[in-house]
Amino acid sequence: FAVTDENGKPYVAEIEGQNKGFFFLDPDAAETYATRVRELQKDGAVVGVRPTTLDAAIKYVKESQSKQDPFEIVPIGEQVRIAEAIKSPDTCDICWGTEGVKKKVP
């Protein structure tokens, strides 16, 4: 899901002094972000949550990495917790997969 303006352009946020954009796997997280964007925009600004395909989001993320406003995909929080539990040496014999998982949510 992407939080966009009326033209379908995704919004970018300033996080720790750097502009970043986000695609969300969780529609509720996208709505939460959209609500925050609405609070920060001028009255009358159109802010919407639009569905997108994962392949389109991945392509957008890859193309944005060399630009001023890089994008990233925000995972579903519960899935991150499950992945971390699987990786824990205390709960599995073969652990893999969470090295690149980002915990932060804008």
Protein backbone atom coordinates (compact mmCIF):
# COMPACT_ATOMS: atom_id res chain seq x y z
CA PHE A 1 0.00 0.00 0.00
CA ALA A 2 1.19 3.52 -0.73
CA VAL A 3 0.14 6.80 0.85
CA THR A 4 -0.27 9.19 -2.07
CA ASP A 5 -1.46 12.61 -3.16
CA GLU A 6 -4.33 13.17 -5.61
CA ASN A 7 -2.04 12.37 -8.55
CA GLY A 8 -0.93 9.03 -7.11
CA LYS A 9 2.53 10.29 -6.14
CA PRO A 10 3.69 8.72 -2.85
CA TYR A 11 4.32 11.08 0.06
CA VAL A 12 7.85 11.41 1.42
CA ALA A 13 8.62 12.03 5.10
CA GLU A 14 11.66 13.53 6.76
CA ILE A 15 13.07 10.90 9.12
CA GLU A 16 16.25 11.68 11.08
CA GLY A 17 17.14 14.50 8.67
CA GLN A 18 16.69 12.39 5.53
CA ASN A 19 13.73 12.21 3.16
CA LYS A 20 12.25 8.72 2.87
CA GLY A 21 9.22 7.18 1.30
CA PHE A 22 7.38 4.05 2.35
CA PHE A 23 5.32 1.22 0.97
CA PHE A 24 3.37 -0.77 3.54
CA LEU A 25 2.49 -4.46 3.61
CA ASP A 26 -0.09 -3.81 6.33
CA PRO A 27 -3.07 -1.66 5.28
CA ASP A 28 -3.62 -0.54 8.88
CA ALA A 29 -0.03 0.77 9.07
CA ALA A 30 -0.62 2.62 5.80
CA GLU A 31 -3.78 4.20 7.21
CA THR A 32 -1.92 5.24 10.37
CA TYR A 33 0.79 6.87 8.26
CA ALA A 34 -1.86 8.55 6.06
CA THR A 35 -3.54 9.99 9.15
CA ARG A 36 -0.21 11.49 10.26
CA VAL A 37 0.41 12.91 6.77
CA ARG A 38 -3.07 14.51 6.80
CA GLU A 39 -2.29 16.13 10.15
CA LEU A 40 0.89 17.66 8.74
CA GLN A 41 -0.52 18.80 5.38
CA LYS A 42 -2.35 22.02 4.66
CA ASP A 43 -6.13 21.96 4.73
CA GLY A 44 -7.54 20.57 1.53
CA ALA A 45 -4.54 18.38 0.69
CA VAL A 46 -5.62 15.03 -0.69
CA VAL A 47 -4.06 12.07 1.11
CA GLY A 48 -5.09 8.57 0.15
CA VAL A 49 -4.04 4.97 0.64
CA ARG A 50 -3.71 3.13 -2.64
CA PRO A 51 -3.08 -0.56 -3.15
CA THR A 52 -0.07 -1.50 -5.22
CA THR A 53 1.49 -4.77 -6.24
CA LEU A 54 4.57 -6.01 -4.43
CA ASP A 55 6.55 -6.19 -7.67
CA ALA A 56 5.71 -2.54 -8.45
CA ALA A 57 6.73 -1.50 -4.92
CA ILE A 58 10.01 -3.42 -5.16
CA LYS A 59 10.78 -1.84 -8.54
CA TYR A 60 10.03 1.64 -7.16
CA VAL A 61 12.22 0.97 -4.10
CA LYS A 62 15.14 -0.24 -6.23
CA GLU A 63 14.91 2.73 -8.60
CA SER A 64 14.69 5.21 -5.72
CA GLN A 65 17.87 4.12 -3.93
CA SER A 66 20.11 6.36 -6.02
CA LYS A 67 17.74 9.34 -5.76
CA GLN A 68 17.23 12.06 -3.17
CA ASP A 69 14.12 10.39 -1.69
CA PRO A 70 14.78 6.65 -1.26
CA PHE A 71 11.83 4.39 -0.51
CA GLU A 72 11.58 1.25 1.56
CA ILE A 73 8.98 -1.40 2.27
CA VAL A 74 7.66 -1.51 5.84
CA PRO A 75 6.94 -5.08 6.96
CA ILE A 76 3.99 -6.15 9.10
CA GLY A 77 5.06 -5.84 12.75
CA GLU A 78 3.72 -9.25 13.79
CA GLN A 79 5.62 -10.93 10.97
CA VAL A 80 8.85 -9.30 12.16
CA ARG A 81 8.25 -10.65 15.68
CA ILE A 82 7.61 -14.15 14.28
CA ALA A 83 10.74 -13.98 12.11
CA GLU A 84 12.82 -12.91 15.10
CA ALA A 85 11.40 -15.77 17.18
CA ILE A 86 12.29 -18.24 14.43
CA LYS A 87 15.82 -16.86 14.32
CA SER A 88 16.29 -17.16 18.06
CA PRO A 89 18.73 -19.97 18.88
CA ASP A 90 16.50 -20.78 21.85
CA THR A 91 13.51 -21.65 19.64
CA CYS A 92 14.94 -23.23 16.49
CA ASP A 93 17.62 -25.62 15.27
CA ILE A 94 18.14 -23.89 11.90
CA CYS A 95 17.87 -20.11 12.04
CA TRP A 96 17.75 -17.84 8.99
CA GLY A 97 16.15 -14.88 7.34
CA THR A 98 15.80 -11.88 9.65
CA GLU A 99 19.14 -10.19 9.09
CA GLY A 100 17.65 -7.62 6.70
CA VAL A 101 14.36 -7.06 8.52
CA LYS A 102 13.87 -3.47 9.64
CA LYS A 103 12.06 -2.87 12.89
CA LYS A 104 11.23 0.80 12.60
CA VAL A 105 7.88 2.05 11.51
CA PRO A 106 7.46 5.69 10.58
